[in-house]
């Protein structure tokens, strides 16, 4: 999810499409939150770890 967010940020920046930029930021933030929760040992969506 983090990688997809970064790809969308780059594509949105290069093409000037603002919706891709926005979706990329959202995916990047959600992926980072899930990664942090998973690394702290919290179960995320029924999983013990998330990557």
PDB file of N, CA and C in Angstrom:
ATOM      1  N   UNK A   1       0.828  -1.188   0.000  1.00  0.00           N
ATOM      2  CA  UNK A   1       0.000   0.000   0.000  1.00  0.00           C
ATOM      3  C   UNK A   1       0.874   1.254   0.000  1.00  0.00           C
ATOM      4  N   UNK A   2       1.970   1.190   0.716  1.00  0.00           N
ATOM      5  CA  UNK A   2       2.878   2.338   0.741  1.00  0.00           C
ATOM      6  C   UNK A   2       3.504   2.533  -0.637  1.00  0.00           C
ATOM      7  N   UNK A   3       3.903   1.440  -1.266  1.00  0.00           N
ATOM      8  CA  UNK A   3       4.516   1.534  -2.594  1.00  0.00           C
ATOM      9  C   UNK A   3       3.517   2.076  -3.615  1.00  0.00           C
ATOM     10  N   UNK A   4       2.280   1.625  -3.552  1.00  0.00           N
ATOM     11  CA  UNK A   4       1.253   2.130  -4.460  1.00  0.00           C
ATOM     12  C   UNK A   4       1.004   3.616  -4.238  1.00  0.00           C
ATOM     13  N   UNK A   5       1.014   4.046  -2.985  1.00  0.00           N
ATOM     14  CA  UNK A   5       0.853   5.462  -2.680  1.00  0.00           C
ATOM     15  C   UNK A   5       1.973   6.305  -3.256  1.00  0.00           C
ATOM     16  N   UNK A   6       3.198   5.810  -3.165  1.00  0.00           N
ATOM     17  CA  UNK A   6       4.344   6.546  -3.719  1.00  0.00           C
ATOM     18  C   UNK A   6       4.257   6.612  -5.243  1.00  0.00           C
ATOM     19  N   UNK A   7       3.858   5.501  -5.869  1.00  0.00           N
ATOM     20  CA  UNK A   7       3.719   5.488  -7.326  1.00  0.00           C
ATOM     21  C   UNK A   7       2.650   6.477  -7.774  1.00  0.00           C
ATOM     22  N   UNK A   8       1.513   6.495  -7.087  1.00  0.00           N
ATOM     23  CA  UNK A   8       0.455   7.435  -7.447  1.00  0.00           C
ATOM     24  C   UNK A   8       0.876   8.877  -7.214  1.00  0.00           C
ATOM     25  N   UNK A   9       1.641   9.136  -6.172  1.00  0.00           N
ATOM     26  CA  UNK A   9       2.151  10.484  -5.948  1.00  0.00           C
ATOM     27  C   UNK A   9       3.040  10.937  -7.098  1.00  0.00           C
ATOM     28  N   UNK A  10       3.918  10.064  -7.532  1.00  0.00           N
ATOM     29  CA  UNK A  10       4.835  10.417  -8.622  1.00  0.00           C
ATOM     30  C   UNK A  10       4.076  10.631  -9.929  1.00  0.00           C
ATOM     31  N   UNK A  11       3.156   9.707 -10.244  1.00  0.00           N
ATOM     32  CA  UNK A  11       2.387   9.835 -11.486  1.00  0.00           C
ATOM     33  C   UNK A  11       1.503  11.082 -11.443  1.00  0.00           C
ATOM     34  N   UNK A  12       0.874  11.321 -10.309  1.00  0.00           N
ATOM     35  CA  UNK A  12       0.042  12.509 -10.177  1.00  0.00           C
ATOM     36  C   UNK A  12       0.833  13.796 -10.291  1.00  0.00           C
ATOM     37  N   UNK A  13       2.035  13.806  -9.773  1.00  0.00           N
ATOM     38  CA  UNK A  13       2.888  14.994  -9.860  1.00  0.00           C
ATOM     39  C   UNK A  13       3.354  15.244 -11.289  1.00  0.00           C
ATOM     40  N   UNK A  14       3.761  14.155 -11.967  1.00  0.00           N
ATOM     41  CA  UNK A  14       4.277  14.297 -13.324  1.00  0.00           C
ATOM     42  C   UNK A  14       3.194  14.659 -14.335  1.00  0.00           C
ATOM     43  N   UNK A  15       1.995  14.118 -14.160  1.00  0.00           N
ATOM     44  CA  UNK A  15       0.921  14.377 -15.118  1.00  0.00           C
ATOM     45  C   UNK A  15       0.060  15.572 -14.743  1.00  0.00           C
ATOM     46  N   UNK A  16       0.141  16.007 -13.508  1.00  0.00           N
ATOM     47  CA  UNK A  16      -0.658  17.146 -13.072  1.00  0.00           C
ATOM     48  C   UNK A  16      -2.089  16.790 -12.705  1.00  0.00           C
ATOM     49  N   UNK A  17      -2.368  15.508 -12.518  1.00  0.00           N
ATOM     50  CA  UNK A  17      -3.715  15.063 -12.148  1.00  0.00           C
ATOM     51  C   UNK A  17      -3.811  15.080 -10.630  1.00  0.00           C
ATOM     52  N   UNK A  18      -4.617  15.982 -10.115  1.00  0.00           N
ATOM     53  CA  UNK A  18      -4.657  16.196  -8.667  1.00  0.00           C
ATOM     54  C   UNK A  18      -5.324  15.052  -7.911  1.00  0.00           C
ATOM     55  N   UNK A  19      -6.258  14.333  -8.534  1.00  0.00           N
ATOM     56  CA  UNK A  19      -6.927  13.245  -7.825  1.00  0.00           C
ATOM     57  C   UNK A  19      -5.946  12.103  -7.545  1.00  0.00           C
ATOM     58  N   UNK A  20      -4.996  11.870  -8.460  1.00  0.00           N
ATOM     59  CA  UNK A  20      -3.972  10.845  -8.199  1.00  0.00           C
ATOM     60  C   UNK A  20      -3.072  11.261  -7.049  1.00  0.00           C
ATOM     61  N   UNK A  21      -2.761  12.543  -6.979  1.00  0.00           N
ATOM     62  CA  UNK A  21      -1.950  13.089  -5.890  1.00  0.00           C
ATOM     63  C   UNK A  21      -2.658  12.856  -4.556  1.00  0.00           C
ATOM     64  N   UNK A  22      -3.962  13.159  -4.505  1.00  0.00           N
ATOM     65  CA  UNK A  22      -4.746  13.010  -3.281  1.00  0.00           C
ATOM     66  C   UNK A  22      -4.853  11.545  -2.864  1.00  0.00           C
ATOM     67  N   UNK A  23      -5.164  10.668  -3.798  1.00  0.00           N
ATOM     68  CA  UNK A  23      -5.282   9.243  -3.490  1.00  0.00           C
ATOM     69  C   UNK A  23      -3.932   8.683  -3.040  1.00  0.00           C
ATOM     70  N   UNK A  24      -2.853   9.149  -3.655  1.00  0.00           N
ATOM     71  CA  UNK A  24      -1.520   8.706  -3.262  1.00  0.00           C
ATOM     72  C   UNK A  24      -1.186   9.077  -1.830  1.00  0.00           C
ATOM     73  N   UNK A  25      -1.539  10.301  -1.440  1.00  0.00           N
ATOM     74  CA  UNK A  25      -1.299  10.736  -0.055  1.00  0.00           C
ATOM     75  C   UNK A  25      -2.105   9.890   0.916  1.00  0.00           C
ATOM     76  N   UNK A  26      -3.369   9.648   0.578  1.00  0.00           N
ATOM     77  CA  UNK A  26      -4.234   8.854   1.466  1.00  0.00           C
ATOM     78  C   UNK A  26      -3.686   7.438   1.616  1.00  0.00           C
ATOM     79  N   UNK A  27      -3.303   6.800   0.504  1.00  0.00           N
ATOM     80  CA  UNK A  27      -2.754   5.441   0.580  1.00  0.00           C
ATOM     81  C   UNK A  27      -1.452   5.400   1.356  1.00  0.00           C
ATOM     82  N   UNK A  28      -0.638   6.410   1.181  1.00  0.00           N
ATOM     83  CA  UNK A  28       0.635   6.468   1.902  1.00  0.00           C
ATOM     84  C   UNK A  28       0.406   6.573   3.410  1.00  0.00           C
ATOM     85  N   UNK A  29      -0.523   7.400   3.826  1.00  0.00           N
ATOM     86  CA  UNK A  29      -0.811   7.570   5.256  1.00  0.00           C
ATOM     87  C   UNK A  29      -1.437   6.308   5.842  1.00  0.00           C
ATOM     88  N   UNK A  30      -2.406   5.718   5.144  1.00  0.00           N
ATOM     89  CA  UNK A  30      -3.052   4.501   5.645  1.00  0.00           C
ATOM     90  C   UNK A  30      -2.044   3.353   5.723  1.00  0.00           C
ATOM     91  N   UNK A  31      -1.203   3.219   4.715  1.00  0.00           N
ATOM     92  CA  UNK A  31      -0.185   2.171   4.741  1.00  0.00           C
ATOM     93  C   UNK A  31       0.794   2.351   5.881  1.00  0.00           C
ATOM     94  N   UNK A  32       1.198   3.600   6.143  1.00  0.00           N
ATOM     95  CA  UNK A  32       2.119   3.867   7.249  1.00  0.00           C
ATOM     96  C   UNK A  32       1.475   3.544   8.593  1.00  0.00           C
ATOM     97  N   UNK A  33       0.204   3.902   8.755  1.00  0.00           N
ATOM     98  CA  UNK A  33      -0.499   3.610  10.016  1.00  0.00           C
ATOM     99  C   UNK A  33      -0.608   2.107  10.222  1.00  0.00           C
ATOM    100  N   UNK A  34      -0.989   1.373   9.166  1.00  0.00           N
ATOM    101  CA  UNK A  34      -1.096  -0.081   9.299  1.00  0.00           C
ATOM    102  C   UNK A  34       0.257  -0.715   9.586  1.00  0.00           C
ATOM    103  N   UNK A  35       1.302  -0.195   8.979  1.00  0.00           N
ATOM    104  CA  UNK A  35       2.644  -0.713   9.212  1.00  0.00           C
ATOM    105  C   UNK A  35       3.076  -0.477  10.656  1.00  0.00           C
ATOM    106  N   UNK A  36       2.804   0.709  11.179  1.00  0.00           N
ATOM    107  CA  UNK A  36       3.167   1.024  12.563  1.00  0.00           C
ATOM    108  C   UNK A  36       2.376   0.164  13.538  1.00  0.00           C
ATOM    109  N   UNK A  37       1.069   0.030  13.312  1.00  0.00           N
ATOM    110  CA  UNK A  37       0.253  -0.808  14.202  1.00  0.00           C
ATOM    111  C   UNK A  37       0.709  -2.264  14.168  1.00  0.00           C
ATOM    112  N   UNK A  38       1.013  -2.759  12.973  1.00  0.00           N
ATOM    113  CA  UNK A  38       1.473  -4.147  12.861  1.00  0.00           C
ATOM    114  C   UNK A  38       2.821  -4.371  13.522  1.00  0.00           C
ATOM    115  N   UNK A  39       3.703  -3.390  13.435  1.00  0.00           N
ATOM    116  CA  UNK A  39       5.020  -3.563  14.045  1.00  0.00           C
ATOM    117  C   UNK A  39       4.974  -3.444  15.560  1.00  0.00           C
ATOM    118  N   UNK A  40       3.943  -2.799  16.093  1.00  0.00           N
ATOM    119  CA  UNK A  40       3.805  -2.684  17.550  1.00  0.00           C
ATOM    120  C   UNK A  40       3.157  -3.919  18.156  1.00  0.00           C
ATOM    121  N   UNK A  41       2.709  -4.856  17.315  1.00  0.00           N
ATOM    122  CA  UNK A  41       2.149  -6.094  17.831  1.00  0.00           C
ATOM    123  C   UNK A  41       0.633  -6.116  17.884  1.00  0.00           C
ATOM    124  N   UNK A  42      -0.014  -5.054  17.433  1.00  0.00           N
ATOM    125  CA  UNK A  42      -1.480  -5.041  17.415  1.00  0.00           C
ATOM    126  C   UNK A  42      -1.975  -5.858  16.231  1.00  0.00           C
ATOM    127  N   UNK A  43      -3.086  -6.549  16.437  1.00  0.00           N
ATOM    128  CA  UNK A  43      -3.684  -7.305  15.347  1.00  0.00           C
ATOM    129  C   UNK A  43      -4.373  -6.325  14.405  1.00  0.00           C
ATOM    130  N   UNK A  44      -4.010  -6.373  13.133  1.00  0.00           N
ATOM    131  CA  UNK A  44      -4.594  -5.490  12.133  1.00  0.00           C
ATOM    132  C   UNK A  44      -5.406  -6.349  11.180  1.00  0.00           C
ATOM    133  N   UNK A  45      -6.715  -6.130  11.143  1.00  0.00           N
ATOM    134  CA  UNK A  45      -7.636  -6.875  10.282  1.00  0.00           C
ATOM    135  C   UNK A  45      -7.519  -8.378  10.510  1.00  0.00           C
ATOM    136  N   UNK A  46      -7.384  -8.777  11.756  1.00  0.00           N
ATOM    137  CA  UNK A  46      -7.306 -10.188  12.102  1.00  0.00           C
ATOM    138  C   UNK A  46      -5.928 -10.795  11.938  1.00  0.00           C
ATOM    139  N   UNK A  47      -4.941 -10.001  11.538  1.00  0.00           N
ATOM    140  CA  UNK A  47      -3.589 -10.521  11.380  1.00  0.00           C
ATOM    141  C   UNK A  47      -2.703 -10.016  12.510  1.00  0.00           C
ATOM    142  N   UNK A  48      -1.760 -10.814  12.884  1.00  0.00           N
ATOM    143  CA  UNK A  48      -0.834 -10.422  13.942  1.00  0.00           C
ATOM    144  C   UNK A  48       0.220  -9.446  13.407  1.00  0.00           C
ATOM    145  N   UNK A  49       0.544  -9.545  12.120  1.00  0.00           N
ATOM    146  CA  UNK A  49       1.498  -8.624  11.513  1.00  0.00           C
ATOM    147  C   UNK A  49       0.962  -8.167  10.166  1.00  0.00           C
ATOM    148  N   UNK A  50       1.466  -7.064   9.677  1.00  0.00           N
ATOM    149  CA  UNK A  50       1.039  -6.508   8.399  1.00  0.00           C
ATOM    150  C   UNK A  50       2.246  -6.047   7.616  1.00  0.00           C
ATOM    151  N   UNK A  51       2.417  -6.548   6.415  1.00  0.00           N
ATOM    152  CA  UNK A  51       3.448  -6.058   5.521  1.00  0.00           C
ATOM    153  C   UNK A  51       3.055  -6.298   4.089  1.00  0.00           C
TER     154      UNK A  51
END
